[in-house]
Amino acid sequence: MSMAPQPSGRRFQSLLIWLLLFGLAWVLYDRFSSKDVYDPDAVPRVVTPRGDLAEDEKSTIALFRNASPSVVYITTLALRRDMFSLNTFQIPQGTGSGFIWNREGHIITNFHVIKDANRVMVTLSDRSQWQAKLVGA
């Protein structure tokens, strides 16, 4: 298959369009380039100490420090069977968060986190991992 030569009028139109696009790109680059970001006359502002935190801020920080170790990271796994070898393997299905509810180790999370999961792994704040099972929904 051979390409027929373009008439000179179409070739000129193509060249003109390319030149206009190049000119537009140049104008946009010149307009929005970061050459004007640096201001040699800029003066840094003085940083003043913030002072003491308000009581409600202090209580929020204390609440976070006390509660954060109970937050857990949940990974759900789906069991799949290989079509050829028929071996079963685990595929990460989803992730979410939850928190330890009581001393027995019950964990509260949203149902969509564990929905349709075959296995659930829980990572604690100390980075230890535990296999979990659904006891109620």
N, C-alpha and C. Protein backbone atom coordinates (compact mmCIF):
# COMPACT_ATOMS: atom_id res chain seq x y z
N MET A 1 0.85 -1.16 0.00
CA MET A 1 0.00 0.00 0.00
C MET A 1 0.90 1.23 0.00
N SER A 2 0.67 2.10 -0.91
CA SER A 2 1.47 3.31 -0.98
C SER A 2 0.60 4.51 -0.68
N MET A 3 1.23 5.50 -0.11
CA MET A 3 0.51 6.72 0.22
C MET A 3 0.59 7.68 -0.95
N ALA A 4 -0.55 8.21 -1.32
CA ALA A 4 -0.55 9.20 -2.40
C ALA A 4 -0.03 10.51 -1.86
N PRO A 5 0.75 11.22 -2.63
CA PRO A 5 1.27 12.51 -2.15
C PRO A 5 0.13 13.49 -1.93
N GLN A 6 0.26 14.29 -0.89
CA GLN A 6 -0.77 15.28 -0.61
C GLN A 6 -0.59 16.48 -1.54
N PRO A 7 -1.69 17.06 -1.89
CA PRO A 7 -1.56 18.30 -2.67
C PRO A 7 -0.88 19.37 -1.82
N SER A 8 -0.21 20.29 -2.46
CA SER A 8 0.57 21.29 -1.74
C SER A 8 -0.31 22.16 -0.84
N GLY A 9 -1.58 22.35 -1.16
CA GLY A 9 -2.48 23.13 -0.33
C GLY A 9 -2.73 22.46 1.01
N ARG A 10 -2.91 21.14 1.00
CA ARG A 10 -3.14 20.40 2.25
C ARG A 10 -1.86 20.36 3.08
N ARG A 11 -0.73 20.26 2.41
CA ARG A 11 0.54 20.25 3.12
C ARG A 11 0.75 21.60 3.81
N PHE A 12 0.40 22.68 3.14
CA PHE A 12 0.52 24.01 3.72
C PHE A 12 -0.42 24.15 4.92
N GLN A 13 -1.66 23.63 4.82
CA GLN A 13 -2.60 23.70 5.93
C GLN A 13 -2.07 22.91 7.14
N SER A 14 -1.53 21.74 6.90
CA SER A 14 -0.98 20.94 8.00
C SER A 14 0.18 21.68 8.67
N LEU A 15 1.04 22.27 7.88
CA LEU A 15 2.16 23.03 8.42
C LEU A 15 1.66 24.21 9.23
N LEU A 16 0.66 24.90 8.74
CA LEU A 16 0.10 26.06 9.43
C LEU A 16 -0.52 25.63 10.77
N ILE A 17 -1.24 24.53 10.78
CA ILE A 17 -1.85 24.04 12.02
C ILE A 17 -0.77 23.69 13.03
N TRP A 18 0.30 23.00 12.59
CA TRP A 18 1.39 22.65 13.50
C TRP A 18 2.08 23.89 14.06
N LEU A 19 2.27 24.90 13.21
CA LEU A 19 2.89 26.14 13.68
C LEU A 19 2.00 26.85 14.70
N LEU A 20 0.69 26.86 14.46
CA LEU A 20 -0.22 27.49 15.41
C LEU A 20 -0.23 26.74 16.75
N LEU A 21 -0.24 25.41 16.70
CA LEU A 21 -0.20 24.63 17.93
C LEU A 21 1.10 24.86 18.69
N PHE A 22 2.23 24.91 17.96
CA PHE A 22 3.51 25.18 18.60
C PHE A 22 3.50 26.57 19.23
N GLY A 23 2.96 27.56 18.53
CA GLY A 23 2.89 28.92 19.07
C GLY A 23 2.03 28.98 20.32
N LEU A 24 0.89 28.28 20.29
CA LEU A 24 0.02 28.25 21.46
C LEU A 24 0.72 27.59 22.64
N ALA A 25 1.41 26.48 22.39
CA ALA A 25 2.14 25.81 23.46
C ALA A 25 3.21 26.72 24.04
N TRP A 26 3.90 27.47 23.17
CA TRP A 26 4.95 28.37 23.64
C TRP A 26 4.36 29.48 24.51
N VAL A 27 3.23 30.05 24.09
CA VAL A 27 2.59 31.12 24.87
C VAL A 27 2.14 30.58 26.23
N LEU A 28 1.52 29.40 26.25
CA LEU A 28 1.08 28.82 27.51
C LEU A 28 2.27 28.52 28.43
N TYR A 29 3.35 28.00 27.87
CA TYR A 29 4.54 27.73 28.67
C TYR A 29 5.10 29.02 29.25
N ASP A 30 5.20 30.04 28.43
CA ASP A 30 5.75 31.31 28.87
C ASP A 30 4.86 31.94 29.94
N ARG A 31 3.55 31.79 29.80
CA ARG A 31 2.61 32.40 30.74
C ARG A 31 2.61 31.69 32.09
N PHE A 32 2.65 30.36 32.08
CA PHE A 32 2.48 29.59 33.30
C PHE A 32 3.77 28.95 33.83
N SER A 33 4.89 29.24 33.23
CA SER A 33 6.13 28.65 33.74
C SER A 33 6.48 29.28 35.09
N SER A 34 7.32 28.62 35.83
CA SER A 34 7.61 29.03 37.21
C SER A 34 8.76 30.03 37.31
N LYS A 35 9.04 30.74 36.24
CA LYS A 35 10.17 31.66 36.31
C LYS A 35 9.91 32.85 37.23
N ASP A 36 8.62 33.16 37.50
CA ASP A 36 8.30 34.31 38.34
C ASP A 36 8.05 33.92 39.80
N VAL A 37 8.35 32.71 40.17
CA VAL A 37 8.07 32.25 41.53
C VAL A 37 9.07 32.83 42.52
N TYR A 38 10.30 32.94 42.16
CA TYR A 38 11.33 33.43 43.06
C TYR A 38 11.29 34.95 43.10
N ASP A 39 11.15 35.48 44.29
CA ASP A 39 11.15 36.93 44.49
C ASP A 39 12.40 37.30 45.28
N PRO A 40 13.37 37.95 44.64
CA PRO A 40 14.61 38.27 45.35
C PRO A 40 14.41 39.27 46.49
N ASP A 41 13.30 40.00 46.49
CA ASP A 41 13.05 40.99 47.54
C ASP A 41 12.21 40.44 48.68
N ALA A 42 11.86 39.17 48.63
CA ALA A 42 11.02 38.58 49.68
C ALA A 42 11.77 38.53 51.00
N VAL A 43 11.05 38.80 52.07
CA VAL A 43 11.62 38.79 53.41
C VAL A 43 10.90 37.71 54.21
N PRO A 44 11.63 36.80 54.84
CA PRO A 44 10.95 35.77 55.63
C PRO A 44 10.25 36.37 56.84
N ARG A 45 9.09 35.82 57.16
CA ARG A 45 8.37 36.34 58.32
C ARG A 45 8.94 35.72 59.59
N VAL A 46 8.80 36.41 60.67
CA VAL A 46 9.30 35.96 61.95
C VAL A 46 8.32 34.92 62.51
N VAL A 47 8.86 33.78 62.93
CA VAL A 47 8.03 32.74 63.53
C VAL A 47 7.93 33.01 65.02
N THR A 48 6.70 33.17 65.49
CA THR A 48 6.50 33.42 66.91
C THR A 48 6.08 32.13 67.59
N PRO A 49 6.52 31.92 68.81
CA PRO A 49 6.11 30.71 69.53
C PRO A 49 4.60 30.70 69.71
N ARG A 50 4.01 29.52 69.60
CA ARG A 50 2.57 29.38 69.66
C ARG A 50 2.03 29.58 71.06
N GLY A 51 2.76 29.20 72.03
CA GLY A 51 2.26 29.27 73.40
C GLY A 51 1.71 27.94 73.84
N ASP A 52 1.09 27.92 74.99
CA ASP A 52 0.57 26.69 75.56
C ASP A 52 -0.73 26.29 74.86
N LEU A 53 -0.99 24.99 74.82
CA LEU A 53 -2.22 24.49 74.20
C LEU A 53 -3.41 24.75 75.10
N ALA A 54 -4.57 24.87 74.49
CA ALA A 54 -5.81 25.04 75.26
C ALA A 54 -6.15 23.72 75.94
N GLU A 55 -6.99 23.77 76.94
CA GLU A 55 -7.34 22.57 77.71
C GLU A 55 -8.04 21.53 76.85
N ASP A 56 -8.93 21.95 75.94
CA ASP A 56 -9.61 20.97 75.09
C ASP A 56 -8.63 20.30 74.13
N GLU A 57 -7.62 21.04 73.67
CA GLU A 57 -6.59 20.43 72.82
C GLU A 57 -5.77 19.41 73.61
N LYS A 58 -5.43 19.74 74.84
CA LYS A 58 -4.67 18.82 75.68
C LYS A 58 -5.48 17.55 75.95
N SER A 59 -6.78 17.68 76.19
CA SER A 59 -7.59 16.49 76.47
C SER A 59 -7.77 15.65 75.21
N THR A 60 -7.83 16.27 74.03
CA THR A 60 -7.92 15.51 72.78
C THR A 60 -6.64 14.73 72.54
N ILE A 61 -5.51 15.33 72.80
CA ILE A 61 -4.22 14.64 72.65
C ILE A 61 -4.11 13.48 73.63
N ALA A 62 -4.52 13.68 74.85
CA ALA A 62 -4.48 12.60 75.85
C ALA A 62 -5.42 11.47 75.45
N LEU A 63 -6.61 11.80 74.96
CA LEU A 63 -7.56 10.78 74.50
C LEU A 63 -6.95 9.96 73.37
N PHE A 64 -6.32 10.63 72.41
CA PHE A 64 -5.69 9.92 71.30
C PHE A 64 -4.57 9.01 71.80
N ARG A 65 -3.72 9.51 72.68
CA ARG A 65 -2.60 8.69 73.19
C ARG A 65 -3.10 7.46 73.94
N ASN A 66 -4.21 7.61 74.65
CA ASN A 66 -4.75 6.47 75.40
C ASN A 66 -5.47 5.46 74.49
N ALA A 67 -6.15 5.95 73.45
CA ALA A 67 -6.97 5.06 72.62
C ALA A 67 -6.24 4.48 71.43
N SER A 68 -5.22 5.12 70.93
CA SER A 68 -4.58 4.68 69.69
C SER A 68 -3.99 3.28 69.75
N PRO A 69 -3.49 2.78 70.88
CA PRO A 69 -2.99 1.41 70.87
C PRO A 69 -4.07 0.36 70.63
N SER A 70 -5.33 0.71 70.79
CA SER A 70 -6.41 -0.26 70.57
C SER A 70 -6.85 -0.31 69.10
N VAL A 71 -6.36 0.58 68.27
CA VAL A 71 -6.73 0.58 66.86
C VAL A 71 -5.97 -0.54 66.15
N VAL A 72 -6.69 -1.29 65.29
CA VAL A 72 -6.09 -2.41 64.58
C VAL A 72 -6.26 -2.21 63.08
N TYR A 73 -5.40 -2.88 62.33
CA TYR A 73 -5.44 -2.87 60.86
C TYR A 73 -5.91 -4.25 60.43
N ILE A 74 -6.96 -4.31 59.62
CA ILE A 74 -7.58 -5.58 59.24
C ILE A 74 -7.33 -5.84 57.77
N THR A 75 -6.85 -7.04 57.46
CA THR A 75 -6.66 -7.48 56.07
C THR A 75 -7.54 -8.71 55.85
N THR A 76 -8.38 -8.66 54.84
CA THR A 76 -9.21 -9.81 54.53
C THR A 76 -8.59 -10.57 53.37
N LEU A 77 -8.71 -11.88 53.44
CA LEU A 77 -8.12 -12.76 52.44
C LEU A 77 -9.22 -13.63 51.83
N ALA A 78 -9.11 -13.85 50.54
CA ALA A 78 -10.02 -14.75 49.83
C ALA A 78 -9.24 -15.99 49.45
N LEU A 79 -9.84 -17.15 49.59
CA LEU A 79 -9.20 -18.40 49.19
C LEU A 79 -9.61 -18.71 47.75
N ARG A 80 -8.63 -18.98 46.92
CA ARG A 80 -8.87 -19.31 45.51
C ARG A 80 -8.14 -20.60 45.18
N ARG A 81 -8.68 -21.32 44.22
CA ARG A 81 -8.07 -22.58 43.79
C ARG A 81 -7.49 -22.38 42.39
N ASP A 82 -6.24 -22.79 42.22
CA ASP A 82 -5.58 -22.71 40.93
C ASP A 82 -6.27 -23.69 39.96
N MET A 83 -6.57 -23.21 38.75
CA MET A 83 -7.30 -24.04 37.79
C MET A 83 -6.52 -25.27 37.37
N PHE A 84 -5.22 -25.17 37.29
CA PHE A 84 -4.42 -26.27 36.75
C PHE A 84 -3.93 -27.23 37.83
N SER A 85 -3.39 -26.68 38.92
CA SER A 85 -2.83 -27.55 39.96
C SER A 85 -3.84 -27.89 41.05
N LEU A 86 -4.97 -27.16 41.10
CA LEU A 86 -6.00 -27.31 42.12
C LEU A 86 -5.50 -26.98 43.52
N ASN A 87 -4.33 -26.32 43.62
CA ASN A 87 -3.83 -25.85 44.91
C ASN A 87 -4.65 -24.64 45.35
N THR A 88 -4.84 -24.52 46.66
CA THR A 88 -5.55 -23.38 47.21
C THR A 88 -4.53 -22.34 47.66
N PHE A 89 -4.81 -21.07 47.35
CA PHE A 89 -3.92 -20.00 47.79
C PHE A 89 -4.75 -18.81 48.23
N GLN A 90 -4.13 -17.91 48.99
CA GLN A 90 -4.82 -16.75 49.54
C GLN A 90 -4.52 -15.52 48.71
N ILE A 91 -5.55 -14.72 48.50
CA ILE A 91 -5.40 -13.46 47.79
C ILE A 91 -5.90 -12.35 48.71
N PRO A 92 -5.09 -11.31 48.95
CA PRO A 92 -5.61 -10.19 49.74
C PRO A 92 -6.84 -9.60 49.04
N GLN A 93 -7.90 -9.44 49.82
CA GLN A 93 -9.17 -8.99 49.25
C GLN A 93 -9.47 -7.54 49.59
N GLY A 94 -9.17 -7.13 50.80
CA GLY A 94 -9.46 -5.77 51.20
C GLY A 94 -8.80 -5.46 52.52
N THR A 95 -8.90 -4.21 52.91
CA THR A 95 -8.32 -3.77 54.17
C THR A 95 -9.28 -2.81 54.85
N GLY A 96 -9.05 -2.61 56.12
CA GLY A 96 -9.85 -1.66 56.88
C GLY A 96 -9.26 -1.50 58.26
N SER A 97 -10.00 -0.84 59.10
CA SER A 97 -9.53 -0.63 60.46
C SER A 97 -10.63 -1.02 61.44
N GLY A 98 -10.25 -1.16 62.67
CA GLY A 98 -11.18 -1.47 63.74
C GLY A 98 -10.53 -1.13 65.06
N PHE A 99 -11.17 -1.56 66.15
CA PHE A 99 -10.55 -1.31 67.45
C PHE A 99 -10.89 -2.46 68.39
N ILE A 100 -9.99 -2.69 69.32
CA ILE A 100 -10.18 -3.74 70.31
C ILE A 100 -11.24 -3.28 71.29
N TRP A 101 -12.27 -4.10 71.48
CA TRP A 101 -13.42 -3.72 72.29
C TRP A 101 -13.24 -4.08 73.77
N ASN A 102 -12.67 -5.26 74.04
CA ASN A 102 -12.59 -5.69 75.43
C ASN A 102 -11.33 -6.52 75.66
N ARG A 103 -11.15 -6.98 76.88
CA ARG A 103 -9.95 -7.73 77.26
C ARG A 103 -9.91 -9.12 76.63
N GLU A 104 -11.06 -9.63 76.19
CA GLU A 104 -11.09 -10.94 75.52
C GLU A 104 -10.58 -10.85 74.09
N GLY A 105 -10.39 -9.66 73.59
CA GLY A 105 -9.84 -9.47 72.25
C GLY A 105 -10.87 -9.32 71.15
N HIS A 106 -12.13 -9.08 71.51
CA HIS A 106 -13.13 -8.83 70.48
C HIS A 106 -12.82 -7.51 69.77
N ILE A 107 -12.99 -7.53 68.46
CA ILE A 107 -12.66 -6.35 67.64
C ILE A 107 -13.92 -5.86 66.95
N ILE A 108 -14.11 -4.58 66.95
CA ILE A 108 -15.25 -3.96 66.29
C ILE A 108 -14.75 -3.33 64.99
N THR A 109 -15.47 -3.59 63.90
CA THR A 109 -15.17 -2.98 62.60
C THR A 109 -16.46 -2.85 61.82
N ASN A 110 -16.42 -2.17 60.72
CA ASN A 110 -17.58 -2.08 59.84
C ASN A 110 -17.74 -3.38 59.08
N PHE A 111 -18.99 -3.75 58.80
CA PHE A 111 -19.27 -5.02 58.15
C PHE A 111 -18.66 -5.09 56.76
N HIS A 112 -18.63 -3.98 56.03
CA HIS A 112 -18.09 -4.04 54.66
C HIS A 112 -16.60 -4.41 54.64
N VAL A 113 -15.92 -4.24 55.77
CA VAL A 113 -14.50 -4.60 55.83
C VAL A 113 -14.31 -6.11 55.76
N ILE A 114 -15.19 -6.86 56.41
CA ILE A 114 -15.02 -8.31 56.50
C ILE A 114 -16.00 -9.08 55.63
N LYS A 115 -16.90 -8.41 54.96
CA LYS A 115 -17.92 -9.06 54.13
C LYS A 115 -17.24 -9.93 53.06
N ASP A 116 -17.73 -11.15 52.89
CA ASP A 116 -17.25 -12.11 51.88
C ASP A 116 -15.80 -12.54 52.08
N ALA A 117 -15.25 -12.35 53.25
CA ALA A 117 -13.86 -12.77 53.49
C ALA A 117 -13.83 -14.22 53.93
N ASN A 118 -12.84 -14.97 53.43
CA ASN A 118 -12.64 -16.34 53.88
C ASN A 118 -11.74 -16.39 55.11
N ARG A 119 -10.80 -15.47 55.17
CA ARG A 119 -9.90 -15.37 56.32
C ARG A 119 -9.69 -13.90 56.63
N VAL A 120 -9.42 -13.63 57.91
CA VAL A 120 -9.19 -12.26 58.36
C VAL A 120 -7.92 -12.24 59.19
N MET A 121 -7.00 -11.34 58.84
CA MET A 121 -5.78 -11.14 59.62
C MET A 121 -5.86 -9.76 60.27
N VAL A 122 -5.48 -9.69 61.54
CA VAL A 122 -5.52 -8.45 62.29
C VAL A 122 -4.10 -8.10 62.70
N THR A 123 -3.69 -6.87 62.42
CA THR A 123 -2.38 -6.37 62.83
C THR A 123 -2.58 -5.38 63.97
N LEU A 124 -1.94 -5.65 65.10
CA LEU A 124 -2.05 -4.78 66.26
C LEU A 124 -1.05 -3.64 66.18
N SER A 125 -1.13 -2.72 67.14
CA SER A 125 -0.23 -1.56 67.13
C SER A 125 1.22 -1.96 67.32
N ASP A 126 1.47 -3.14 67.95
CA ASP A 126 2.86 -3.59 68.10
C ASP A 126 3.35 -4.36 66.87
N ARG A 127 2.55 -4.37 65.82
CA ARG A 127 2.83 -5.00 64.52
C ARG A 127 2.74 -6.53 64.55
N SER A 128 2.24 -7.09 65.62
CA SER A 128 2.01 -8.53 65.63
C SER A 128 0.74 -8.82 64.84
N GLN A 129 0.72 -9.98 64.19
CA GLN A 129 -0.43 -10.34 63.35
C GLN A 129 -1.13 -11.57 63.93
N TRP A 130 -2.46 -11.54 63.86
CA TRP A 130 -3.28 -12.60 64.42
C TRP A 130 -4.38 -12.94 63.43
N GLN A 131 -4.69 -14.24 63.36
CA GLN A 131 -5.81 -14.65 62.53
C GLN A 131 -7.09 -14.46 63.37
N ALA A 132 -8.13 -13.92 62.76
CA ALA A 132 -9.37 -13.65 63.47
C ALA A 132 -10.50 -14.45 62.84
N LYS A 133 -11.59 -14.56 63.59
CA LYS A 133 -12.77 -15.22 63.04
C LYS A 133 -13.99 -14.37 63.41
N LEU A 134 -15.01 -14.46 62.59
CA LEU A 134 -16.23 -13.70 62.80
C LEU A 134 -17.06 -14.38 63.89
N VAL A 135 -17.43 -13.63 64.92
CA VAL A 135 -18.26 -14.19 65.98
C VAL A 135 -19.63 -13.53 66.01
N GLY A 136 -19.82 -12.49 65.27
CA GLY A 136 -21.13 -11.83 65.24
C GLY A 136 -21.14 -10.68 64.25
N ALA A 137 -22.32 -10.43 63.73
CA ALA A 137 -22.47 -9.31 62.77
C ALA A 137 -23.79 -8.62 63.00
